[in-house]
């Protein structure tokens, strides 16, 4: 299969931790933060559009994620590089990866997280004047 390359526009966010709340009836449940739910819904819509209703992938897959945030003003001097730059600030690469993998599963591209056998996640700043985005590549793996 040809790799699926998807661009999700906007700032990458990390998977928020569910907050535990007590309901009026006294039960306890976890509530995912609204920002996480909104971004994941948006990512699912984008992934579904790119996937175009095909059946889920079969076998092991590799997912590559490039989480590209807006470059801060302090890194736009003439002496700073023009292209992408490594980023070591929040959101953490592993939390961005979690939210993207959940969106891939919800979009029906894979049947479950266990199908993802290999991952790569790059935490980057955008090019000078570049836009924030998350670039996702999904491909099937060949047998070893």
N, C-alpha and C. Protein backbone atom coordinates (compact mmCIF):
# COMPACT_ATOMS: atom_id res chain seq x y z
N UNK A 1 0.83 -1.18 0.00
CA UNK A 1 0.00 0.00 0.00
C UNK A 1 0.88 1.24 0.00
N UNK A 2 0.47 2.23 -0.74
CA UNK A 2 1.14 3.52 -0.73
C UNK A 2 0.89 4.20 0.61
N UNK A 3 1.90 4.83 1.20
CA UNK A 3 1.68 5.49 2.49
C UNK A 3 0.60 6.57 2.39
N UNK A 4 -0.18 6.72 3.44
CA UNK A 4 -1.18 7.77 3.53
C UNK A 4 -0.54 8.95 4.23
N UNK A 5 -0.47 10.10 3.55
CA UNK A 5 0.10 11.32 4.12
C UNK A 5 -1.03 12.30 4.39
N UNK A 6 -1.18 12.70 5.64
CA UNK A 6 -2.27 13.58 6.04
C UNK A 6 -1.70 14.80 6.73
N UNK A 7 -2.25 15.98 6.41
CA UNK A 7 -1.86 17.22 7.06
C UNK A 7 -3.05 17.70 7.88
N UNK A 8 -2.85 17.85 9.19
CA UNK A 8 -3.88 18.36 10.09
C UNK A 8 -3.45 19.77 10.47
N UNK A 9 -4.15 20.78 9.95
CA UNK A 9 -3.78 22.17 10.17
C UNK A 9 -4.04 22.58 11.62
N UNK A 10 -3.25 23.52 12.10
CA UNK A 10 -3.44 24.05 13.45
C UNK A 10 -2.37 23.58 14.41
N UNK A 11 -2.35 24.23 15.58
CA UNK A 11 -1.37 23.90 16.61
C UNK A 11 -1.56 22.48 17.12
N UNK A 12 -0.48 21.72 17.24
CA UNK A 12 -0.58 20.38 17.85
C UNK A 12 -0.83 20.53 19.35
N UNK A 13 -1.64 19.63 19.89
CA UNK A 13 -1.83 19.60 21.34
C UNK A 13 -1.58 18.18 21.82
N UNK A 14 -1.27 18.06 23.08
CA UNK A 14 -1.05 16.74 23.67
C UNK A 14 -2.35 16.19 24.23
N UNK A 15 -2.41 14.89 24.40
CA UNK A 15 -3.58 14.24 24.99
C UNK A 15 -3.68 14.68 26.45
N UNK A 16 -4.79 15.32 26.80
CA UNK A 16 -5.00 15.78 28.17
C UNK A 16 -5.37 14.62 29.08
N UNK A 17 -4.98 14.70 30.32
CA UNK A 17 -5.32 13.66 31.29
C UNK A 17 -6.77 13.81 31.71
N UNK A 18 -7.49 12.70 31.78
CA UNK A 18 -8.88 12.80 32.26
C UNK A 18 -8.92 13.25 33.72
N UNK A 19 -9.88 14.08 34.03
CA UNK A 19 -10.10 14.52 35.41
C UNK A 19 -11.19 13.65 36.01
N UNK A 20 -11.00 13.24 37.24
CA UNK A 20 -11.98 12.40 37.92
C UNK A 20 -12.97 13.31 38.63
N UNK A 21 -14.27 13.11 38.35
CA UNK A 21 -15.32 13.91 38.98
C UNK A 21 -16.36 12.99 39.59
N UNK A 22 -17.01 13.49 40.61
CA UNK A 22 -18.09 12.75 41.27
C UNK A 22 -19.41 13.30 40.75
N UNK A 23 -20.28 12.41 40.27
CA UNK A 23 -21.58 12.82 39.75
C UNK A 23 -22.54 13.09 40.90
N UNK A 24 -23.70 13.67 40.58
CA UNK A 24 -24.71 13.96 41.61
C UNK A 24 -25.18 12.69 42.31
N UNK A 25 -25.17 11.57 41.56
CA UNK A 25 -25.61 10.30 42.14
C UNK A 25 -24.51 9.64 42.99
N UNK A 26 -23.34 10.27 43.06
CA UNK A 26 -22.27 9.73 43.89
C UNK A 26 -21.28 8.84 43.15
N UNK A 27 -21.53 8.59 41.87
CA UNK A 27 -20.60 7.78 41.08
C UNK A 27 -19.38 8.62 40.69
N UNK A 28 -18.30 7.93 40.36
CA UNK A 28 -17.08 8.61 39.93
C UNK A 28 -16.83 8.27 38.47
N UNK A 29 -16.45 9.29 37.67
CA UNK A 29 -16.13 9.03 36.27
C UNK A 29 -15.03 9.97 35.81
N UNK A 30 -14.34 9.58 34.74
CA UNK A 30 -13.28 10.40 34.18
C UNK A 30 -13.82 11.29 33.07
N UNK A 31 -13.39 12.55 33.05
CA UNK A 31 -13.84 13.49 32.03
C UNK A 31 -12.61 14.01 31.30
N UNK A 32 -12.57 13.78 29.97
CA UNK A 32 -11.47 14.26 29.15
C UNK A 32 -11.62 15.77 28.96
N UNK A 33 -10.52 16.54 29.04
CA UNK A 33 -10.60 17.99 28.86
C UNK A 33 -11.22 18.36 27.50
N UNK A 34 -11.98 19.46 27.47
CA UNK A 34 -12.68 19.90 26.26
C UNK A 34 -11.72 20.16 25.11
N UNK A 35 -10.57 20.78 25.39
CA UNK A 35 -9.60 21.08 24.34
C UNK A 35 -9.13 19.79 23.65
N UNK A 36 -8.90 18.74 24.43
CA UNK A 36 -8.49 17.45 23.88
C UNK A 36 -9.60 16.87 23.02
N UNK A 37 -10.84 16.89 23.51
CA UNK A 37 -11.97 16.34 22.75
C UNK A 37 -12.16 17.08 21.44
N UNK A 38 -12.06 18.43 21.47
CA UNK A 38 -12.25 19.22 20.26
C UNK A 38 -11.18 18.92 19.21
N UNK A 39 -9.89 18.89 19.63
CA UNK A 39 -8.82 18.65 18.68
C UNK A 39 -8.94 17.24 18.10
N UNK A 40 -9.26 16.26 18.93
CA UNK A 40 -9.37 14.88 18.46
C UNK A 40 -10.52 14.74 17.46
N UNK A 41 -11.66 15.40 17.74
CA UNK A 41 -12.80 15.36 16.78
C UNK A 41 -12.40 15.96 15.44
N UNK A 42 -11.69 17.09 15.48
CA UNK A 42 -11.23 17.74 14.25
C UNK A 42 -10.27 16.82 13.49
N UNK A 43 -9.32 16.22 14.20
CA UNK A 43 -8.35 15.32 13.56
C UNK A 43 -9.06 14.11 12.94
N UNK A 44 -10.06 13.58 13.62
CA UNK A 44 -10.82 12.43 13.09
C UNK A 44 -11.50 12.83 11.79
N UNK A 45 -12.12 14.01 11.75
CA UNK A 45 -12.79 14.47 10.52
C UNK A 45 -11.80 14.57 9.36
N UNK A 46 -10.63 15.13 9.63
CA UNK A 46 -9.60 15.27 8.59
C UNK A 46 -9.14 13.88 8.12
N UNK A 47 -8.86 12.98 9.06
CA UNK A 47 -8.39 11.64 8.70
C UNK A 47 -9.45 10.86 7.92
N UNK A 48 -10.70 10.96 8.33
CA UNK A 48 -11.79 10.27 7.61
C UNK A 48 -11.87 10.79 6.18
N UNK A 49 -11.74 12.11 6.00
CA UNK A 49 -11.80 12.68 4.65
C UNK A 49 -10.67 12.14 3.79
N UNK A 50 -9.46 12.06 4.32
CA UNK A 50 -8.32 11.54 3.56
C UNK A 50 -8.45 10.04 3.32
N UNK A 51 -9.03 9.31 4.26
CA UNK A 51 -9.14 7.85 4.15
C UNK A 51 -10.19 7.44 3.13
N UNK A 52 -11.20 8.26 2.92
CA UNK A 52 -12.21 8.08 1.87
C UNK A 52 -12.98 6.76 1.98
N UNK A 53 -13.28 6.32 3.19
CA UNK A 53 -14.17 5.18 3.39
C UNK A 53 -13.59 3.81 3.10
N UNK A 54 -12.29 3.70 2.93
CA UNK A 54 -11.68 2.39 2.70
C UNK A 54 -11.77 1.53 3.96
N UNK A 55 -11.66 0.21 3.83
CA UNK A 55 -11.66 -0.64 5.02
C UNK A 55 -10.38 -0.43 5.83
N UNK A 56 -10.40 -0.78 7.12
CA UNK A 56 -9.20 -0.60 7.96
C UNK A 56 -8.01 -1.39 7.42
N UNK A 57 -6.82 -0.90 7.71
CA UNK A 57 -5.60 -1.60 7.32
C UNK A 57 -5.50 -2.93 8.07
N UNK A 58 -4.86 -3.89 7.41
CA UNK A 58 -4.68 -5.22 8.00
C UNK A 58 -3.20 -5.40 8.28
N UNK A 59 -2.87 -5.97 9.43
CA UNK A 59 -1.47 -6.24 9.76
C UNK A 59 -0.82 -5.06 10.46
N UNK A 60 0.48 -5.20 10.72
CA UNK A 60 1.20 -4.16 11.45
C UNK A 60 1.38 -2.89 10.61
N UNK A 61 1.32 -1.74 11.28
CA UNK A 61 1.49 -0.46 10.60
C UNK A 61 2.54 0.39 11.30
N UNK A 62 3.08 1.34 10.54
CA UNK A 62 4.02 2.33 11.05
C UNK A 62 3.34 3.69 10.96
N UNK A 63 3.43 4.46 12.03
CA UNK A 63 2.86 5.81 12.05
C UNK A 63 3.99 6.79 12.34
N UNK A 64 4.12 7.79 11.48
CA UNK A 64 5.10 8.85 11.67
C UNK A 64 4.33 10.16 11.89
N UNK A 65 4.67 10.87 12.95
CA UNK A 65 3.99 12.12 13.29
C UNK A 65 5.02 13.23 13.38
N UNK A 66 4.74 14.35 12.70
CA UNK A 66 5.55 15.55 12.85
C UNK A 66 4.64 16.61 13.45
N UNK A 67 4.86 16.92 14.73
CA UNK A 67 4.08 17.94 15.44
C UNK A 67 4.82 19.26 15.30
N UNK A 68 4.30 20.15 14.48
CA UNK A 68 4.99 21.39 14.13
C UNK A 68 4.24 22.58 14.72
N UNK A 69 4.84 23.20 15.74
CA UNK A 69 4.23 24.37 16.40
C UNK A 69 4.72 25.65 15.77
N UNK A 70 3.97 26.74 15.98
CA UNK A 70 4.38 28.06 15.53
C UNK A 70 5.73 28.41 16.14
N UNK A 71 6.61 28.97 15.34
CA UNK A 71 7.93 29.36 15.83
C UNK A 71 7.77 30.62 16.70
N UNK A 72 8.36 30.61 17.91
CA UNK A 72 8.26 31.81 18.75
C UNK A 72 9.06 32.97 18.16
N UNK A 73 8.66 34.17 18.50
CA UNK A 73 9.30 35.38 17.97
C UNK A 73 10.80 35.39 18.24
N UNK A 74 11.22 34.86 19.38
CA UNK A 74 12.64 34.90 19.75
C UNK A 74 13.50 34.05 18.81
N UNK A 75 12.89 33.18 17.99
CA UNK A 75 13.65 32.33 17.07
C UNK A 75 13.49 32.75 15.61
N UNK A 76 13.18 34.03 15.39
CA UNK A 76 13.00 34.50 14.01
C UNK A 76 14.07 35.52 13.61
N UNK A 77 15.19 35.56 14.34
CA UNK A 77 16.28 36.47 13.98
C UNK A 77 16.94 36.01 12.68
N UNK A 78 17.70 36.89 12.08
CA UNK A 78 18.41 36.55 10.84
C UNK A 78 19.37 35.38 11.04
N UNK A 79 19.95 35.26 12.24
CA UNK A 79 20.93 34.21 12.51
C UNK A 79 20.28 32.84 12.74
N UNK A 80 18.95 32.80 12.94
CA UNK A 80 18.26 31.52 13.17
C UNK A 80 18.01 30.82 11.83
N UNK A 81 18.01 29.48 11.83
CA UNK A 81 17.80 28.74 10.58
C UNK A 81 16.41 29.00 9.99
N UNK A 82 16.31 28.89 8.67
CA UNK A 82 15.06 29.15 7.95
C UNK A 82 14.06 28.00 8.09
N UNK A 83 14.54 26.77 8.07
CA UNK A 83 13.67 25.59 8.03
C UNK A 83 13.14 25.17 9.39
N UNK A 84 12.66 23.93 9.45
CA UNK A 84 12.15 23.38 10.69
C UNK A 84 13.25 23.30 11.74
N UNK A 85 12.85 23.44 13.03
CA UNK A 85 13.80 23.36 14.13
C UNK A 85 13.25 22.40 15.18
N UNK A 86 14.14 21.69 15.86
CA UNK A 86 13.72 20.81 16.96
C UNK A 86 13.09 21.64 18.06
N UNK A 87 12.09 21.07 18.72
CA UNK A 87 11.38 21.76 19.80
C UNK A 87 11.41 20.89 21.05
N UNK A 88 11.77 21.48 22.18
CA UNK A 88 11.82 20.72 23.44
C UNK A 88 10.89 21.34 24.48
N UNK A 89 9.77 21.89 24.02
CA UNK A 89 8.79 22.48 24.92
C UNK A 89 7.49 21.70 24.83
N UNK A 90 6.52 22.06 25.67
CA UNK A 90 5.22 21.38 25.64
C UNK A 90 4.49 21.76 24.36
N UNK A 91 3.66 20.92 23.80
CA UNK A 91 3.27 19.62 24.31
C UNK A 91 4.35 18.57 24.03
N UNK A 92 4.46 17.61 24.94
CA UNK A 92 5.44 16.54 24.80
C UNK A 92 5.10 15.70 23.57
N UNK A 93 6.14 15.20 22.93
CA UNK A 93 5.94 14.39 21.72
C UNK A 93 5.09 13.16 21.99
N UNK A 94 5.28 12.52 23.15
CA UNK A 94 4.52 11.30 23.43
C UNK A 94 3.03 11.59 23.62
N UNK A 95 2.68 12.75 24.18
CA UNK A 95 1.27 13.09 24.34
C UNK A 95 0.62 13.47 23.01
N UNK A 96 1.37 14.10 22.12
CA UNK A 96 0.85 14.39 20.78
C UNK A 96 0.63 13.06 20.04
N UNK A 97 1.58 12.15 20.18
CA UNK A 97 1.45 10.84 19.54
C UNK A 97 0.20 10.11 20.03
N UNK A 98 -0.07 10.17 21.35
CA UNK A 98 -1.26 9.50 21.90
C UNK A 98 -2.55 10.03 21.27
N UNK A 99 -2.68 11.34 21.16
CA UNK A 99 -3.93 11.90 20.63
C UNK A 99 -4.07 11.57 19.14
N UNK A 100 -2.96 11.56 18.40
CA UNK A 100 -3.01 11.21 16.97
C UNK A 100 -3.38 9.73 16.80
N UNK A 101 -2.78 8.84 17.59
CA UNK A 101 -3.11 7.42 17.48
C UNK A 101 -4.58 7.16 17.82
N UNK A 102 -5.11 7.85 18.82
CA UNK A 102 -6.53 7.69 19.15
C UNK A 102 -7.41 8.17 17.99
N UNK A 103 -7.02 9.27 17.35
CA UNK A 103 -7.79 9.78 16.22
C UNK A 103 -7.73 8.81 15.03
N UNK A 104 -6.57 8.20 14.80
CA UNK A 104 -6.42 7.23 13.70
C UNK A 104 -7.34 6.03 13.93
N UNK A 105 -7.41 5.57 15.18
CA UNK A 105 -8.28 4.43 15.50
C UNK A 105 -9.75 4.82 15.36
N UNK A 106 -10.13 5.98 15.87
CA UNK A 106 -11.52 6.43 15.78
C UNK A 106 -11.94 6.65 14.32
N UNK A 107 -11.02 7.09 13.48
CA UNK A 107 -11.31 7.32 12.06
C UNK A 107 -11.48 6.02 11.28
N UNK A 108 -11.13 4.88 11.88
CA UNK A 108 -11.30 3.60 11.22
C UNK A 108 -10.17 3.20 10.29
N UNK A 109 -9.01 3.83 10.43
CA UNK A 109 -7.87 3.48 9.59
C UNK A 109 -7.20 2.20 10.09
N UNK A 110 -7.15 2.05 11.41
CA UNK A 110 -6.69 0.80 12.04
C UNK A 110 -7.79 0.32 12.98
N UNK A 111 -7.75 -0.96 13.32
CA UNK A 111 -8.79 -1.50 14.20
C UNK A 111 -8.47 -1.30 15.67
N UNK A 112 -7.19 -1.06 16.00
CA UNK A 112 -6.81 -0.84 17.39
C UNK A 112 -5.37 -0.37 17.50
N UNK A 113 -5.03 0.23 18.64
CA UNK A 113 -3.67 0.71 18.87
C UNK A 113 -2.64 -0.41 18.79
N UNK A 114 -3.05 -1.62 19.14
CA UNK A 114 -2.11 -2.75 19.13
C UNK A 114 -1.60 -3.06 17.72
N UNK A 115 -2.27 -2.55 16.71
CA UNK A 115 -1.86 -2.78 15.32
C UNK A 115 -0.65 -1.91 14.95
N UNK A 116 -0.42 -0.85 15.71
CA UNK A 116 0.70 0.06 15.44
C UNK A 116 1.96 -0.57 16.04
N UNK A 117 2.84 -1.08 15.17
CA UNK A 117 4.03 -1.79 15.61
C UNK A 117 5.27 -0.90 15.62
N UNK A 118 5.20 0.24 14.93
CA UNK A 118 6.36 1.13 14.86
C UNK A 118 5.87 2.56 14.80
N UNK A 119 6.50 3.44 15.59
CA UNK A 119 6.13 4.85 15.59
C UNK A 119 7.36 5.73 15.54
N UNK A 120 7.17 6.92 14.98
CA UNK A 120 8.18 7.97 14.99
C UNK A 120 7.43 9.25 15.28
N UNK A 121 7.95 10.06 16.18
CA UNK A 121 7.30 11.33 16.48
C UNK A 121 8.36 12.41 16.55
N UNK A 122 8.18 13.45 15.77
CA UNK A 122 9.12 14.57 15.71
C UNK A 122 8.43 15.80 16.30
N UNK A 123 9.09 16.44 17.26
CA UNK A 123 8.58 17.64 17.89
C UNK A 123 9.37 18.82 17.32
N UNK A 124 8.68 19.69 16.55
CA UNK A 124 9.39 20.71 15.77
C UNK A 124 8.74 22.08 15.87
N UNK A 125 9.54 23.12 15.55
CA UNK A 125 9.01 24.46 15.31
C UNK A 125 8.90 24.63 13.80
N UNK A 126 7.93 25.43 13.37
CA UNK A 126 7.71 25.68 11.95
C UNK A 126 8.85 26.49 11.34
N UNK A 127 8.87 26.52 10.03
CA UNK A 127 9.80 27.36 9.30
C UNK A 127 9.49 28.82 9.62
N UNK A 128 10.42 29.72 9.31
CA UNK A 128 10.14 31.14 9.50
C UNK A 128 8.94 31.48 8.61
N UNK A 129 7.90 32.00 9.21
CA UNK A 129 6.69 32.33 8.46
C UNK A 129 5.81 31.13 8.18
N UNK A 130 6.21 29.93 8.63
CA UNK A 130 5.43 28.71 8.39
C UNK A 130 4.25 28.59 9.33
N UNK A 131 3.33 27.72 8.97
CA UNK A 131 2.11 27.53 9.76
C UNK A 131 2.22 26.29 10.65
N UNK A 132 1.54 26.33 11.80
CA UNK A 132 1.53 25.15 12.67
C UNK A 132 0.69 24.04 12.04
N UNK A 133 1.09 22.78 12.29
CA UNK A 133 0.39 21.66 11.69
C UNK A 133 0.88 20.36 12.31
N UNK A 134 0.13 19.30 12.03
CA UNK A 134 0.56 17.96 12.38
C UNK A 134 0.56 17.16 11.09
N UNK A 135 1.71 16.64 10.71
CA UNK A 135 1.84 15.81 9.51
C UNK A 135 1.88 14.36 9.95
N UNK A 136 0.98 13.56 9.41
CA UNK A 136 0.87 12.15 9.80
C UNK A 136 1.08 11.28 8.56
N UNK A 137 1.93 10.28 8.68
CA UNK A 137 2.14 9.29 7.62
C UNK A 137 1.82 7.92 8.20
N UNK A 138 0.95 7.18 7.50
CA UNK A 138 0.55 5.85 7.94
C UNK A 138 0.88 4.88 6.82
N UNK A 139 1.60 3.81 7.15
CA UNK A 139 1.97 2.82 6.13
C UNK A 139 1.99 1.42 6.74
N UNK A 140 1.73 0.43 5.91
CA UNK A 140 1.79 -0.95 6.37
C UNK A 140 3.25 -1.39 6.41
N UNK A 141 3.56 -2.28 7.32
CA UNK A 141 4.91 -2.82 7.44
C UNK A 141 5.01 -4.16 6.74
N UNK A 142 6.14 -4.39 6.13
CA UNK A 142 6.41 -5.67 5.49
C UNK A 142 6.82 -6.68 6.56
N UNK A 143 6.66 -7.94 6.24
CA UNK A 143 7.10 -9.00 7.19
C UNK A 143 8.60 -8.93 7.36
N UNK A 144 9.08 -9.28 8.55
CA UNK A 144 10.54 -9.27 8.81
C UNK A 144 11.21 -10.44 8.15
